[in-house]
């Protein structure tokens, strides 16, 4: 974590996911986050997932499927139940040696959206 000490000016995170079909992906991410997007700016569709973190999707067919993002959560089982009820599939939940529970939820393009629940969550 020593590198973080040198980046104290960073106050927000904006992470982007390339998608091939913006309309299809907007609907899928709305189900993932259980709400419509917060805004649309040009060709970017954005969800504020934390007061200091925003996820956006953008059309980029050439790079669609190459996105990777992991969100740390509490209540992983409840999230998976909700996603399953909404028809959002996921890979098997893995538990790492350090107790973190991790699950990949691939989007329609195969971007690896993942949830990780620390053992103390």
PDB file of N, CA and C in Angstrom:
ATOM      1  N   UNK A   1       0.803  -1.201   0.000  1.00  0.00           N
ATOM      2  CA  UNK A   1       0.000   0.000   0.000  1.00  0.00           C
ATOM      3  C   UNK A   1       0.845   1.264   0.000  1.00  0.00           C
ATOM      4  N   UNK A   2       2.152   1.151  -0.034  1.00  0.00           N
ATOM      5  CA  UNK A   2       3.010   2.323  -0.014  1.00  0.00           C
ATOM      6  C   UNK A   2       2.727   3.243  -1.191  1.00  0.00           C
ATOM      7  N   UNK A   3       2.370   2.682  -2.354  1.00  0.00           N
ATOM      8  CA  UNK A   3       2.074   3.510  -3.532  1.00  0.00           C
ATOM      9  C   UNK A   3       0.889   4.428  -3.267  1.00  0.00           C
ATOM     10  N   UNK A   4      -0.077   3.991  -2.487  1.00  0.00           N
ATOM     11  CA  UNK A   4      -1.256   4.811  -2.199  1.00  0.00           C
ATOM     12  C   UNK A   4      -0.882   6.084  -1.456  1.00  0.00           C
ATOM     13  N   UNK A   5       0.180   6.035  -0.665  1.00  0.00           N
ATOM     14  CA  UNK A   5       0.599   7.218   0.073  1.00  0.00           C
ATOM     15  C   UNK A   5       1.006   8.348  -0.867  1.00  0.00           C
ATOM     16  N   UNK A   6       1.467   7.999  -2.063  1.00  0.00           N
ATOM     17  CA  UNK A   6       1.918   8.999  -3.024  1.00  0.00           C
ATOM     18  C   UNK A   6       0.787   9.489  -3.923  1.00  0.00           C
ATOM     19  N   UNK A   7      -0.412   8.977  -3.741  1.00  0.00           N
ATOM     20  CA  UNK A   7      -1.534   9.340  -4.588  1.00  0.00           C
ATOM     21  C   UNK A   7      -2.661   9.954  -3.765  1.00  0.00           C
ATOM     22  N   UNK A   8      -2.339  10.696  -2.756  1.00  0.00           N
ATOM     23  CA  UNK A   8      -3.353  11.245  -1.865  1.00  0.00           C
ATOM     24  C   UNK A   8      -4.264  12.250  -2.542  1.00  0.00           C
ATOM     25  N   UNK A   9      -3.902  12.746  -3.721  1.00  0.00           N
ATOM     26  CA  UNK A   9      -4.742  13.709  -4.418  1.00  0.00           C
ATOM     27  C   UNK A   9      -5.919  13.033  -5.127  1.00  0.00           C
ATOM     28  N   UNK A  10      -5.910  11.718  -5.250  1.00  0.00           N
ATOM     29  CA  UNK A  10      -7.005  11.018  -5.921  1.00  0.00           C
ATOM     30  C   UNK A  10      -8.215  11.008  -5.002  1.00  0.00           C
ATOM     31  N   UNK A  11      -9.351  11.501  -5.530  1.00  0.00           N
ATOM     32  CA  UNK A  11     -10.552  11.581  -4.712  1.00  0.00           C
ATOM     33  C   UNK A  11     -11.709  10.754  -5.249  1.00  0.00           C
ATOM     34  N   UNK A  12     -11.647  10.358  -6.525  1.00  0.00           N
ATOM     35  CA  UNK A  12     -12.733   9.593  -7.131  1.00  0.00           C
ATOM     36  C   UNK A  12     -12.163   8.576  -8.119  1.00  0.00           C
ATOM     37  N   UNK A  13     -12.926   7.520  -8.360  1.00  0.00           N
ATOM     38  CA  UNK A  13     -12.573   6.522  -9.361  1.00  0.00           C
ATOM     39  C   UNK A  13     -13.671   6.489 -10.412  1.00  0.00           C
ATOM     40  N   UNK A  14     -13.286   6.541 -11.679  1.00  0.00           N
ATOM     41  CA  UNK A  14     -14.184   6.362 -12.814  1.00  0.00           C
ATOM     42  C   UNK A  14     -13.628   5.184 -13.596  1.00  0.00           C
ATOM     43  N   UNK A  15     -14.397   4.107 -13.699  1.00  0.00           N
ATOM     44  CA  UNK A  15     -13.950   2.910 -14.402  1.00  0.00           C
ATOM     45  C   UNK A  15     -14.872   2.653 -15.571  1.00  0.00           C
ATOM     46  N   UNK A  16     -14.289   2.337 -16.723  1.00  0.00           N
ATOM     47  CA  UNK A  16     -15.073   2.122 -17.928  1.00  0.00           C
ATOM     48  C   UNK A  16     -15.008   0.687 -18.413  1.00  0.00           C
ATOM     49  N   UNK A  17     -16.112   0.241 -18.990  1.00  0.00           N
ATOM     50  CA  UNK A  17     -16.231  -1.100 -19.554  1.00  0.00           C
ATOM     51  C   UNK A  17     -16.618  -0.953 -21.029  1.00  0.00           C
ATOM     52  N   UNK A  18     -15.836  -1.525 -21.953  1.00  0.00           N
ATOM     53  CA  UNK A  18     -16.204  -1.458 -23.365  1.00  0.00           C
ATOM     54  C   UNK A  18     -17.278  -2.488 -23.697  1.00  0.00           C
ATOM     55  N   UNK A  19     -18.278  -2.068 -24.460  1.00  0.00           N
ATOM     56  CA  UNK A  19     -19.377  -2.959 -24.829  1.00  0.00           C
ATOM     57  C   UNK A  19     -19.629  -2.875 -26.331  1.00  0.00           C
ATOM     58  N   UNK A  20     -20.235  -3.922 -26.882  1.00  0.00           N
ATOM     59  CA  UNK A  20     -20.508  -3.929 -28.323  1.00  0.00           C
ATOM     60  C   UNK A  20     -21.865  -3.318 -28.657  1.00  0.00           C
ATOM     61  N   UNK A  21     -22.839  -3.449 -27.772  1.00  0.00           N
ATOM     62  CA  UNK A  21     -24.184  -2.928 -28.015  1.00  0.00           C
ATOM     63  C   UNK A  21     -24.611  -2.135 -26.781  1.00  0.00           C
ATOM     64  N   UNK A  22     -24.635  -0.830 -26.911  1.00  0.00           N
ATOM     65  CA  UNK A  22     -24.900   0.037 -25.754  1.00  0.00           C
ATOM     66  C   UNK A  22     -26.287  -0.199 -25.170  1.00  0.00           C
ATOM     67  N   UNK A  23     -27.294  -0.394 -26.013  1.00  0.00           N
ATOM     68  CA  UNK A  23     -28.650  -0.602 -25.502  1.00  0.00           C
ATOM     69  C   UNK A  23     -28.765  -1.907 -24.726  1.00  0.00           C
ATOM     70  N   UNK A  24     -28.241  -2.998 -25.283  1.00  0.00           N
ATOM     71  CA  UNK A  24     -28.280  -4.300 -24.605  1.00  0.00           C
ATOM     72  C   UNK A  24     -27.517  -4.222 -23.285  1.00  0.00           C
ATOM     73  N   UNK A  25     -26.351  -3.615 -23.318  1.00  0.00           N
ATOM     74  CA  UNK A  25     -25.537  -3.535 -22.100  1.00  0.00           C
ATOM     75  C   UNK A  25     -26.139  -2.603 -21.061  1.00  0.00           C
ATOM     76  N   UNK A  26     -26.780  -1.529 -21.489  1.00  0.00           N
ATOM     77  CA  UNK A  26     -27.443  -0.639 -20.535  1.00  0.00           C
ATOM     78  C   UNK A  26     -28.518  -1.402 -19.777  1.00  0.00           C
ATOM     79  N   UNK A  27     -29.302  -2.196 -20.484  1.00  0.00           N
ATOM     80  CA  UNK A  27     -30.351  -2.999 -19.834  1.00  0.00           C
ATOM     81  C   UNK A  27     -29.733  -4.018 -18.883  1.00  0.00           C
ATOM     82  N   UNK A  28     -28.641  -4.668 -19.289  1.00  0.00           N
ATOM     83  CA  UNK A  28     -28.006  -5.690 -18.450  1.00  0.00           C
ATOM     84  C   UNK A  28     -27.420  -5.055 -17.180  1.00  0.00           C
ATOM     85  N   UNK A  29     -26.691  -3.946 -17.333  1.00  0.00           N
ATOM     86  CA  UNK A  29     -26.101  -3.298 -16.161  1.00  0.00           C
ATOM     87  C   UNK A  29     -27.179  -2.714 -15.248  1.00  0.00           C
ATOM     88  N   UNK A  30     -28.298  -2.299 -15.804  1.00  0.00           N
ATOM     89  CA  UNK A  30     -29.411  -1.839 -14.969  1.00  0.00           C
ATOM     90  C   UNK A  30     -29.916  -2.984 -14.091  1.00  0.00           C
ATOM     91  N   UNK A  31     -29.949  -4.202 -14.637  1.00  0.00           N
ATOM     92  CA  UNK A  31     -30.332  -5.350 -13.805  1.00  0.00           C
ATOM     93  C   UNK A  31     -29.231  -5.664 -12.805  1.00  0.00           C
ATOM     94  N   UNK A  32     -27.971  -5.561 -13.211  1.00  0.00           N
ATOM     95  CA  UNK A  32     -26.849  -5.828 -12.298  1.00  0.00           C
ATOM     96  C   UNK A  32     -26.915  -4.909 -11.083  1.00  0.00           C
ATOM     97  N   UNK A  33     -27.137  -3.618 -11.331  1.00  0.00           N
ATOM     98  CA  UNK A  33     -27.167  -2.635 -10.242  1.00  0.00           C
ATOM     99  C   UNK A  33     -28.559  -2.408  -9.670  1.00  0.00           C
ATOM    100  N   UNK A  34     -29.554  -3.077 -10.213  1.00  0.00           N
ATOM    101  CA  UNK A  34     -30.934  -3.006  -9.739  1.00  0.00           C
ATOM    102  C   UNK A  34     -31.512  -1.591  -9.825  1.00  0.00           C
ATOM    103  N   UNK A  35     -31.081  -0.862 -10.866  1.00  0.00           N
ATOM    104  CA  UNK A  35     -31.608   0.488 -11.085  1.00  0.00           C
ATOM    105  C   UNK A  35     -31.117   1.006 -12.433  1.00  0.00           C
ATOM    106  N   UNK A  36     -31.826   1.964 -12.969  1.00  0.00           N
ATOM    107  CA  UNK A  36     -31.377   2.554 -14.232  1.00  0.00           C
ATOM    108  C   UNK A  36     -30.087   3.345 -14.031  1.00  0.00           C
ATOM    109  N   UNK A  37     -29.422   3.694 -15.122  1.00  0.00           N
ATOM    110  CA  UNK A  37     -28.199   4.492 -14.986  1.00  0.00           C
ATOM    111  C   UNK A  37     -28.490   5.848 -14.373  1.00  0.00           C
ATOM    112  N   UNK A  38     -27.467   6.428 -13.775  1.00  0.00           N
ATOM    113  CA  UNK A  38     -27.601   7.753 -13.171  1.00  0.00           C
ATOM    114  C   UNK A  38     -27.585   8.854 -14.211  1.00  0.00           C
ATOM    115  N   UNK A  39     -26.843   8.655 -15.286  1.00  0.00           N
ATOM    116  CA  UNK A  39     -26.828   9.653 -16.345  1.00  0.00           C
ATOM    117  C   UNK A  39     -26.188   9.081 -17.602  1.00  0.00           C
ATOM    118  N   UNK A  40     -26.351   9.835 -18.654  1.00  0.00           N
ATOM    119  CA  UNK A  40     -25.737   9.497 -19.934  1.00  0.00           C
ATOM    120  C   UNK A  40     -25.026  10.747 -20.419  1.00  0.00           C
ATOM    121  N   UNK A  41     -23.766  10.596 -20.768  1.00  0.00           N
ATOM    122  CA  UNK A  41     -22.964  11.707 -21.264  1.00  0.00           C
ATOM    123  C   UNK A  41     -22.392  11.272 -22.607  1.00  0.00           C
ATOM    124  N   UNK A  42     -22.919  11.829 -23.666  1.00  0.00           N
ATOM    125  CA  UNK A  42     -22.504  11.391 -24.997  1.00  0.00           C
ATOM    126  C   UNK A  42     -22.836   9.922 -25.180  1.00  0.00           C
ATOM    127  N   UNK A  43     -21.842   9.117 -25.514  1.00  0.00           N
ATOM    128  CA  UNK A  43     -22.023   7.677 -25.680  1.00  0.00           C
ATOM    129  C   UNK A  43     -21.694   6.889 -24.417  1.00  0.00           C
ATOM    130  N   UNK A  44     -21.478   7.557 -23.312  1.00  0.00           N
ATOM    131  CA  UNK A  44     -21.186   6.867 -22.055  1.00  0.00           C
ATOM    132  C   UNK A  44     -22.436   6.827 -21.184  1.00  0.00           C
ATOM    133  N   UNK A  45     -22.683   5.663 -20.581  1.00  0.00           N
ATOM    134  CA  UNK A  45     -23.803   5.481 -19.661  1.00  0.00           C
ATOM    135  C   UNK A  45     -23.181   5.197 -18.295  1.00  0.00           C
ATOM    136  N   UNK A  46     -23.572   5.970 -17.273  1.00  0.00           N
ATOM    137  CA  UNK A  46     -22.880   5.934 -15.983  1.00  0.00           C
ATOM    138  C   UNK A  46     -23.780   5.545 -14.815  1.00  0.00           C
ATOM    139  N   UNK A  47     -23.187   4.767 -13.885  1.00  0.00           N
ATOM    140  CA  UNK A  47     -23.811   4.435 -12.604  1.00  0.00           C
ATOM    141  C   UNK A  47     -22.852   4.868 -11.504  1.00  0.00           C
ATOM    142  N   UNK A  48     -23.360   5.653 -10.565  1.00  0.00           N
ATOM    143  CA  UNK A  48     -22.573   5.966  -9.376  1.00  0.00           C
ATOM    144  C   UNK A  48     -22.740   4.779  -8.438  1.00  0.00           C
ATOM    145  N   UNK A  49     -21.673   4.013  -8.246  1.00  0.00           N
ATOM    146  CA  UNK A  49     -21.771   2.795  -7.435  1.00  0.00           C
ATOM    147  C   UNK A  49     -21.309   3.023  -5.998  1.00  0.00           C
ATOM    148  N   UNK A  50     -20.776   4.194  -5.755  1.00  0.00           N
ATOM    149  CA  UNK A  50     -20.344   4.621  -4.427  1.00  0.00           C
ATOM    150  C   UNK A  50     -20.182   6.138  -4.541  1.00  0.00           C
ATOM    151  N   UNK A  51     -20.270   6.876  -3.446  1.00  0.00           N
ATOM    152  CA  UNK A  51     -20.105   8.321  -3.569  1.00  0.00           C
ATOM    153  C   UNK A  51     -18.799   8.746  -4.248  1.00  0.00           C
ATOM    154  N   UNK A  52     -17.812   7.868  -4.271  1.00  0.00           N
ATOM    155  CA  UNK A  52     -16.519   8.211  -4.861  1.00  0.00           C
ATOM    156  C   UNK A  52     -16.117   7.267  -5.980  1.00  0.00           C
ATOM    157  N   UNK A  53     -17.071   6.520  -6.521  1.00  0.00           N
ATOM    158  CA  UNK A  53     -16.759   5.574  -7.590  1.00  0.00           C
ATOM    159  C   UNK A  53     -17.906   5.514  -8.594  1.00  0.00           C
ATOM    160  N   UNK A  54     -17.557   5.672  -9.857  1.00  0.00           N
ATOM    161  CA  UNK A  54     -18.533   5.628 -10.934  1.00  0.00           C
ATOM    162  C   UNK A  54     -18.082   4.608 -11.965  1.00  0.00           C
ATOM    163  N   UNK A  55     -19.015   3.775 -12.392  1.00  0.00           N
ATOM    164  CA  UNK A  55     -18.757   2.815 -13.459  1.00  0.00           C
ATOM    165  C   UNK A  55     -19.494   3.302 -14.697  1.00  0.00           C
ATOM    166  N   UNK A  56     -18.809   3.298 -15.830  1.00  0.00           N
ATOM    167  CA  UNK A  56     -19.482   3.664 -17.069  1.00  0.00           C
ATOM    168  C   UNK A  56     -19.238   2.600 -18.120  1.00  0.00           C
ATOM    169  N   UNK A  57     -20.217   2.491 -19.023  1.00  0.00           N
ATOM    170  CA  UNK A  57     -20.057   1.627 -20.180  1.00  0.00           C
ATOM    171  C   UNK A  57     -20.016   2.520 -21.405  1.00  0.00           C
ATOM    172  N   UNK A  58     -19.280   2.084 -22.414  1.00  0.00           N
ATOM    173  CA  UNK A  58     -19.152   2.854 -23.633  1.00  0.00           C
ATOM    174  C   UNK A  58     -19.035   1.914 -24.821  1.00  0.00           C
ATOM    175  N   UNK A  59     -19.609   2.307 -25.954  1.00  0.00           N
ATOM    176  CA  UNK A  59     -19.518   1.438 -27.120  1.00  0.00           C
ATOM    177  C   UNK A  59     -18.090   1.393 -27.650  1.00  0.00           C
ATOM    178  N   UNK A  60     -17.575   0.175 -27.769  1.00  0.00           N
ATOM    179  CA  UNK A  60     -16.246  -0.051 -28.317  1.00  0.00           C
ATOM    180  C   UNK A  60     -16.177  -1.531 -28.679  1.00  0.00           C
ATOM    181  N   UNK A  61     -16.750  -1.877 -29.816  1.00  0.00           N
ATOM    182  CA  UNK A  61     -16.857  -3.285 -30.225  1.00  0.00           C
ATOM    183  C   UNK A  61     -15.497  -3.962 -30.318  1.00  0.00           C
ATOM    184  N   UNK A  62     -14.469  -3.233 -30.702  1.00  0.00           N
ATOM    185  CA  UNK A  62     -13.140  -3.836 -30.845  1.00  0.00           C
ATOM    186  C   UNK A  62     -12.571  -4.313 -29.509  1.00  0.00           C
ATOM    187  N   UNK A  63     -12.927  -3.662 -28.418  1.00  0.00           N
ATOM    188  CA  UNK A  63     -12.392  -4.036 -27.106  1.00  0.00           C
ATOM    189  C   UNK A  63     -13.434  -4.690 -26.196  1.00  0.00           C
ATOM    190  N   UNK A  64     -14.668  -4.792 -26.661  1.00  0.00           N
ATOM    191  CA  UNK A  64     -15.724  -5.399 -25.844  1.00  0.00           C
ATOM    192  C   UNK A  64     -15.313  -6.812 -25.441  1.00  0.00           C
ATOM    193  N   UNK A  65     -15.517  -7.125 -24.179  1.00  0.00           N
ATOM    194  CA  UNK A  65     -15.152  -8.435 -23.646  1.00  0.00           C
ATOM    195  C   UNK A  65     -13.804  -8.434 -22.945  1.00  0.00           C
ATOM    196  N   UNK A  66     -13.048  -7.361 -23.066  1.00  0.00           N
ATOM    197  CA  UNK A  66     -11.722  -7.298 -22.444  1.00  0.00           C
ATOM    198  C   UNK A  66     -11.745  -6.583 -21.092  1.00  0.00           C
ATOM    199  N   UNK A  67     -12.902  -6.092 -20.675  1.00  0.00           N
ATOM    200  CA  UNK A  67     -12.990  -5.356 -19.416  1.00  0.00           C
ATOM    201  C   UNK A  67     -12.905  -6.275 -18.199  1.00  0.00           C
ATOM    202  N   UNK A  68     -12.288  -5.791 -17.150  1.00  0.00           N
ATOM    203  CA  UNK A  68     -12.157  -6.520 -15.894  1.00  0.00           C
ATOM    204  C   UNK A  68     -12.356  -5.541 -14.744  1.00  0.00           C
ATOM    205  N   UNK A  69     -13.285  -5.866 -13.856  1.00  0.00           N
ATOM    206  CA  UNK A  69     -13.518  -5.012 -12.694  1.00  0.00           C
ATOM    207  C   UNK A  69     -14.021  -5.881 -11.551  1.00  0.00           C
ATOM    208  N   UNK A  70     -13.543  -5.607 -10.348  1.00  0.00           N
ATOM    209  CA  UNK A  70     -14.008  -6.316  -9.156  1.00  0.00           C
ATOM    210  C   UNK A  70     -14.511  -5.285  -8.161  1.00  0.00           C
ATOM    211  N   UNK A  71     -15.717  -5.542  -7.647  1.00  0.00           N
ATOM    212  CA  UNK A  71     -16.332  -4.669  -6.653  1.00  0.00           C
ATOM    213  C   UNK A  71     -16.336  -5.395  -5.313  1.00  0.00           C
ATOM    214  N   UNK A  72     -15.807  -4.763  -4.284  1.00  0.00           N
ATOM    215  CA  UNK A  72     -15.833  -5.334  -2.947  1.00  0.00           C
ATOM    216  C   UNK A  72     -17.205  -5.073  -2.346  1.00  0.00           C
ATOM    217  N   UNK A  73     -17.828  -6.109  -1.808  1.00  0.00           N
ATOM    218  CA  UNK A  73     -19.201  -5.999  -1.312  1.00  0.00           C
ATOM    219  C   UNK A  73     -19.361  -6.684   0.040  1.00  0.00           C
ATOM    220  N   UNK A  74     -20.459  -6.370   0.693  1.00  0.00           N
ATOM    221  CA  UNK A  74     -20.947  -7.116   1.851  1.00  0.00           C
ATOM    222  C   UNK A  74     -22.284  -7.711   1.422  1.00  0.00           C
ATOM    223  N   UNK A  75     -22.614  -8.898   1.874  1.00  0.00           N
ATOM    224  CA  UNK A  75     -23.885  -9.512   1.515  1.00  0.00           C
ATOM    225  C   UNK A  75     -23.863 -10.180   0.156  1.00  0.00           C
ATOM    226  N   UNK A  76     -22.790 -10.877  -0.154  1.00  0.00           N
ATOM    227  CA  UNK A  76     -22.646 -11.513  -1.462  1.00  0.00           C
ATOM    228  C   UNK A  76     -23.791 -12.473  -1.771  1.00  0.00           C
ATOM    229  N   UNK A  77     -24.220 -13.261  -0.809  1.00  0.00           N
ATOM    230  CA  UNK A  77     -25.299 -14.221  -1.061  1.00  0.00           C
ATOM    231  C   UNK A  77     -26.590 -13.521  -1.491  1.00  0.00           C
ATOM    232  N   UNK A  78     -26.907 -12.402  -0.853  1.00  0.00           N
ATOM    233  CA  UNK A  78     -28.110 -11.659  -1.209  1.00  0.00           C
ATOM    234  C   UNK A  78     -27.988 -11.066  -2.608  1.00  0.00           C
ATOM    235  N   UNK A  79     -26.810 -10.601  -2.956  1.00  0.00           N
ATOM    236  CA  UNK A  79     -26.584 -10.051  -4.295  1.00  0.00           C
ATOM    237  C   UNK A  79     -26.785 -11.146  -5.337  1.00  0.00           C
ATOM    238  N   UNK A  80     -26.216 -12.307  -5.104  1.00  0.00           N
ATOM    239  CA  UNK A  80     -26.333 -13.420  -6.051  1.00  0.00           C
ATOM    240  C   UNK A  80     -27.796 -13.860  -6.168  1.00  0.00           C
ATOM    241  N   UNK A  81     -28.520 -13.913  -5.064  1.00  0.00           N
ATOM    242  CA  UNK A  81     -29.949 -14.264  -5.119  1.00  0.00           C
ATOM    243  C   UNK A  81     -30.722 -13.274  -5.979  1.00  0.00           C
ATOM    244  N   UNK A  82     -30.470 -11.987  -5.789  1.00  0.00           N
ATOM    245  CA  UNK A  82     -31.164 -10.961  -6.569  1.00  0.00           C
ATOM    246  C   UNK A  82     -30.826 -11.073  -8.045  1.00  0.00           C
ATOM    247  N   UNK A  83     -29.546 -11.257  -8.353  1.00  0.00           N
ATOM    248  CA  UNK A  83     -29.140 -11.371  -9.756  1.00  0.00           C
ATOM    249  C   UNK A  83     -29.761 -12.593 -10.417  1.00  0.00           C
ATOM    250  N   UNK A  84     -29.771 -13.706  -9.710  1.00  0.00           N
ATOM    251  CA  UNK A  84     -30.369 -14.925 -10.250  1.00  0.00           C
ATOM    252  C   UNK A  84     -31.845 -14.712 -10.536  1.00  0.00           C
ATOM    253  N   UNK A  85     -32.549 -14.061  -9.613  1.00  0.00           N
ATOM    254  CA  UNK A  85     -33.977 -13.788  -9.801  1.00  0.00           C
ATOM    255  C   UNK A  85     -34.223 -12.885 -11.010  1.00  0.00           C
ATOM    256  N   UNK A  86     -33.238 -12.048 -11.350  1.00  0.00           N
ATOM    257  CA  UNK A  86     -33.377 -11.136 -12.477  1.00  0.00           C
ATOM    258  C   UNK A  86     -32.797 -11.724 -13.765  1.00  0.00           C
ATOM    259  N   UNK A  87     -32.405 -12.991 -13.730  1.00  0.00           N
ATOM    260  CA  UNK A  87     -31.898 -13.647 -14.926  1.00  0.00           C
ATOM    261  C   UNK A  87     -30.471 -13.299 -15.282  1.00  0.00           C
ATOM    262  N   UNK A  88     -29.703 -12.809 -14.316  1.00  0.00           N
ATOM    263  CA  UNK A  88     -28.290 -12.501 -14.541  1.00  0.00           C
ATOM    264  C   UNK A  88     -27.473 -13.685 -14.031  1.00  0.00           C
ATOM    265  N   UNK A  89     -26.782 -14.349 -14.942  1.00  0.00           N
ATOM    266  CA  UNK A  89     -26.003 -15.536 -14.577  1.00  0.00           C
ATOM    267  C   UNK A  89     -24.675 -15.189 -13.947  1.00  0.00           C
ATOM    268  N   UNK A  90     -24.080 -16.193 -13.319  1.00  0.00           N
ATOM    269  CA  UNK A  90     -22.775 -16.010 -12.689  1.00  0.00           C
ATOM    270  C   UNK A  90     -22.015 -17.331 -12.698  1.00  0.00           C
ATOM    271  N   UNK A  91     -20.724 -17.239 -12.514  1.00  0.00           N
ATOM    272  CA  UNK A  91     -19.885 -18.417 -12.387  1.00  0.00           C
ATOM    273  C   UNK A  91     -19.955 -18.903 -10.941  1.00  0.00           C
ATOM    274  N   UNK A  92     -19.409 -20.086 -10.656  1.00  0.00           N
ATOM    275  CA  UNK A  92     -19.434 -20.571  -9.270  1.00  0.00           C
ATOM    276  C   UNK A  92     -18.679 -19.622  -8.324  1.00  0.00           C
ATOM    277  N   UNK A  93     -19.185 -19.524  -7.110  1.00  0.00           N
ATOM    278  CA  UNK A  93     -18.510 -18.724  -6.083  1.00  0.00           C
ATOM    279  C   UNK A  93     -17.268 -19.473  -5.636  1.00  0.00           C
ATOM    280  N   UNK A  94     -16.156 -18.754  -5.566  1.00  0.00           N
ATOM    281  CA  UNK A  94     -14.902 -19.322  -5.088  1.00  0.00           C
ATOM    282  C   UNK A  94     -14.574 -18.709  -3.731  1.00  0.00           C
ATOM    283  N   UNK A  95     -13.955 -19.493  -2.875  1.00  0.00           N
ATOM    284  CA  UNK A  95     -13.463 -18.969  -1.603  1.00  0.00           C
ATOM    285  C   UNK A  95     -11.951 -19.131  -1.597  1.00  0.00           C
ATOM    286  N   UNK A  96     -11.233 -18.011  -1.489  1.00  0.00           N
ATOM    287  CA  UNK A  96      -9.775 -18.025  -1.508  1.00  0.00           C
ATOM    288  C   UNK A  96      -9.225 -18.388  -0.134  1.00  0.00           C
ATOM    289  N   UNK A  97      -7.953 -18.714  -0.092  1.00  0.00           N
ATOM    290  CA  UNK A  97      -7.294 -19.121   1.157  1.00  0.00           C
ATOM    291  C   UNK A  97      -7.402 -18.046   2.233  1.00  0.00           C
ATOM    292  N   UNK A  98      -7.498 -16.778   1.836  1.00  0.00           N
ATOM    293  CA  UNK A  98      -7.593 -15.698   2.820  1.00  0.00           C
ATOM    294  C   UNK A  98      -9.031 -15.450   3.276  1.00  0.00           C
ATOM    295  N   UNK A  99      -9.971 -16.286   2.798  1.00  0.00           N
ATOM    296  CA  UNK A  99     -11.364 -16.181   3.215  1.00  0.00           C
ATOM    297  C   UNK A  99     -12.235 -15.312   2.323  1.00  0.00           C
ATOM    298  N   UNK A 100     -11.646 -14.631   1.350  1.00  0.00           N
ATOM    299  CA  UNK A 100     -12.437 -13.803   0.430  1.00  0.00           C
ATOM    300  C   UNK A 100     -13.281 -14.715  -0.456  1.00  0.00           C
ATOM    301  N   UNK A 101     -14.573 -14.371  -0.563  1.00  0.00           N
ATOM    302  CA  UNK A 101     -15.483 -15.077  -1.475  1.00  0.00           C
ATOM    303  C   UNK A 101     -15.599 -14.239  -2.729  1.00  0.00           C
ATOM    304  N   UNK A 102     -15.450 -14.865  -3.885  1.00  0.00           N
ATOM    305  CA  UNK A 102     -15.342 -14.156  -5.160  1.00  0.00           C
ATOM    306  C   UNK A 102     -16.214 -14.842  -6.199  1.00  0.00           C
ATOM    307  N   UNK A 103     -16.918 -14.033  -6.993  1.00  0.00           N
ATOM    308  CA  UNK A 103     -17.749 -14.590  -8.055  1.00  0.00           C
ATOM    309  C   UNK A 103     -17.683 -13.680  -9.284  1.00  0.00           C
ATOM    310  N   UNK A 104     -17.529 -14.290 -10.460  1.00  0.00           N
ATOM    311  CA  UNK A 104     -17.551 -13.543 -11.713  1.00  0.00           C
ATOM    312  C   UNK A 104     -18.967 -13.562 -12.276  1.00  0.00           C
ATOM    313  N   UNK A 105     -19.385 -12.400 -12.758  1.00  0.00           N
ATOM    314  CA  UNK A 105     -20.701 -12.226 -13.365  1.00  0.00           C
ATOM    315  C   UNK A 105     -20.445 -11.638 -14.756  1.00  0.00           C
ATOM    316  N   UNK A 106     -20.223 -12.495 -15.757  1.00  0.00           N
ATOM    317  CA  UNK A 106     -19.893 -11.962 -17.078  1.00  0.00           C
ATOM    318  C   UNK A 106     -21.067 -11.221 -17.720  1.00  0.00           C
ATOM    319  N   UNK A 107     -20.762 -10.080 -18.320  1.00  0.00           N
ATOM    320  CA  UNK A 107     -21.803  -9.322 -19.010  1.00  0.00           C
ATOM    321  C   UNK A 107     -22.036  -9.932 -20.401  1.00  0.00           C
ATOM    322  N   UNK A 108     -22.962  -9.394 -21.197  1.00  0.00           N
ATOM    323  CA  UNK A 108     -23.259  -9.996 -22.502  1.00  0.00           C
ATOM    324  C   UNK A 108     -22.055 -10.103 -23.443  1.00  0.00           C
ATOM    325  N   UNK A 109     -21.043  -9.246 -23.267  1.00  0.00           N
ATOM    326  CA  UNK A 109     -19.855  -9.301 -24.109  1.00  0.00           C
ATOM    327  C   UNK A 109     -18.759 -10.192 -23.530  1.00  0.00           C
ATOM    328  N   UNK A 110     -18.942 -10.681 -22.297  1.00  0.00           N
ATOM    329  CA  UNK A 110     -17.913 -11.477 -21.643  1.00  0.00           C
ATOM    330  C   UNK A 110     -16.966 -10.662 -20.788  1.00  0.00           C
ATOM    331  N   UNK A 111     -17.247  -9.361 -20.601  1.00  0.00           N
ATOM    332  CA  UNK A 111     -16.450  -8.583 -19.650  1.00  0.00           C
ATOM    333  C   UNK A 111     -16.587  -9.225 -18.278  1.00  0.00           C
ATOM    334  N   UNK A 112     -15.490  -9.328 -17.558  1.00  0.00           N
ATOM    335  CA  UNK A 112     -15.489  -9.987 -16.257  1.00  0.00           C
ATOM    336  C   UNK A 112     -15.837  -8.993 -15.157  1.00  0.00           C
ATOM    337  N   UNK A 113     -17.101  -8.938 -14.825  1.00  0.00           N
ATOM    338  CA  UNK A 113     -17.554  -8.146 -13.693  1.00  0.00           C
ATOM    339  C   UNK A 113     -17.554  -9.113 -12.512  1.00  0.00           C
ATOM    340  N   UNK A 114     -16.917  -8.755 -11.426  1.00  0.00           N
ATOM    341  CA  UNK A 114     -16.807  -9.675 -10.295  1.00  0.00           C
ATOM    342  C   UNK A 114     -17.175  -8.965  -8.999  1.00  0.00           C
ATOM    343  N   UNK A 115     -17.641  -9.768  -8.061  1.00  0.00           N
ATOM    344  CA  UNK A 115     -17.918  -9.308  -6.710  1.00  0.00           C
ATOM    345  C   UNK A 115     -17.015 -10.078  -5.760  1.00  0.00           C
ATOM    346  N   UNK A 116     -16.433  -9.398  -4.798  1.00  0.00           N
ATOM    347  CA  UNK A 116     -15.583 -10.036  -3.798  1.00  0.00           C
ATOM    348  C   UNK A 116     -16.055  -9.603  -2.423  1.00  0.00           C
ATOM    349  N   UNK A 117     -16.263 -10.593  -1.554  1.00  0.00           N
ATOM    350  CA  UNK A 117     -16.709 -10.303  -0.189  1.00  0.00           C
ATOM    351  C   UNK A 117     -15.602 -10.714   0.775  1.00  0.00           C
ATOM    352  N   UNK A 118     -15.001  -9.738   1.469  1.00  0.00           N
ATOM    353  CA  UNK A 118     -13.980 -10.089   2.455  1.00  0.00           C
ATOM    354  C   UNK A 118     -14.592 -10.858   3.617  1.00  0.00           C
ATOM    355  N   UNK A 119     -13.797 -11.655   4.323  1.00  0.00           N
ATOM    356  CA  UNK A 119     -14.354 -12.478   5.401  1.00  0.00           C
ATOM    357  C   UNK A 119     -14.959 -11.670   6.530  1.00  0.00           C
ATOM    358  N   UNK A 120     -14.561 -10.419   6.701  1.00  0.00           N
ATOM    359  CA  UNK A 120     -15.088  -9.599   7.792  1.00  0.00           C
ATOM    360  C   UNK A 120     -16.265  -8.723   7.367  1.00  0.00           C
ATOM    361  N   UNK A 121     -16.789  -8.943   6.146  1.00  0.00           N
ATOM    362  CA  UNK A 121     -17.887  -8.106   5.633  1.00  0.00           C
ATOM    363  C   UNK A 121     -19.197  -8.414   6.310  1.00  0.00           C
TER     364      UNK A 121
END
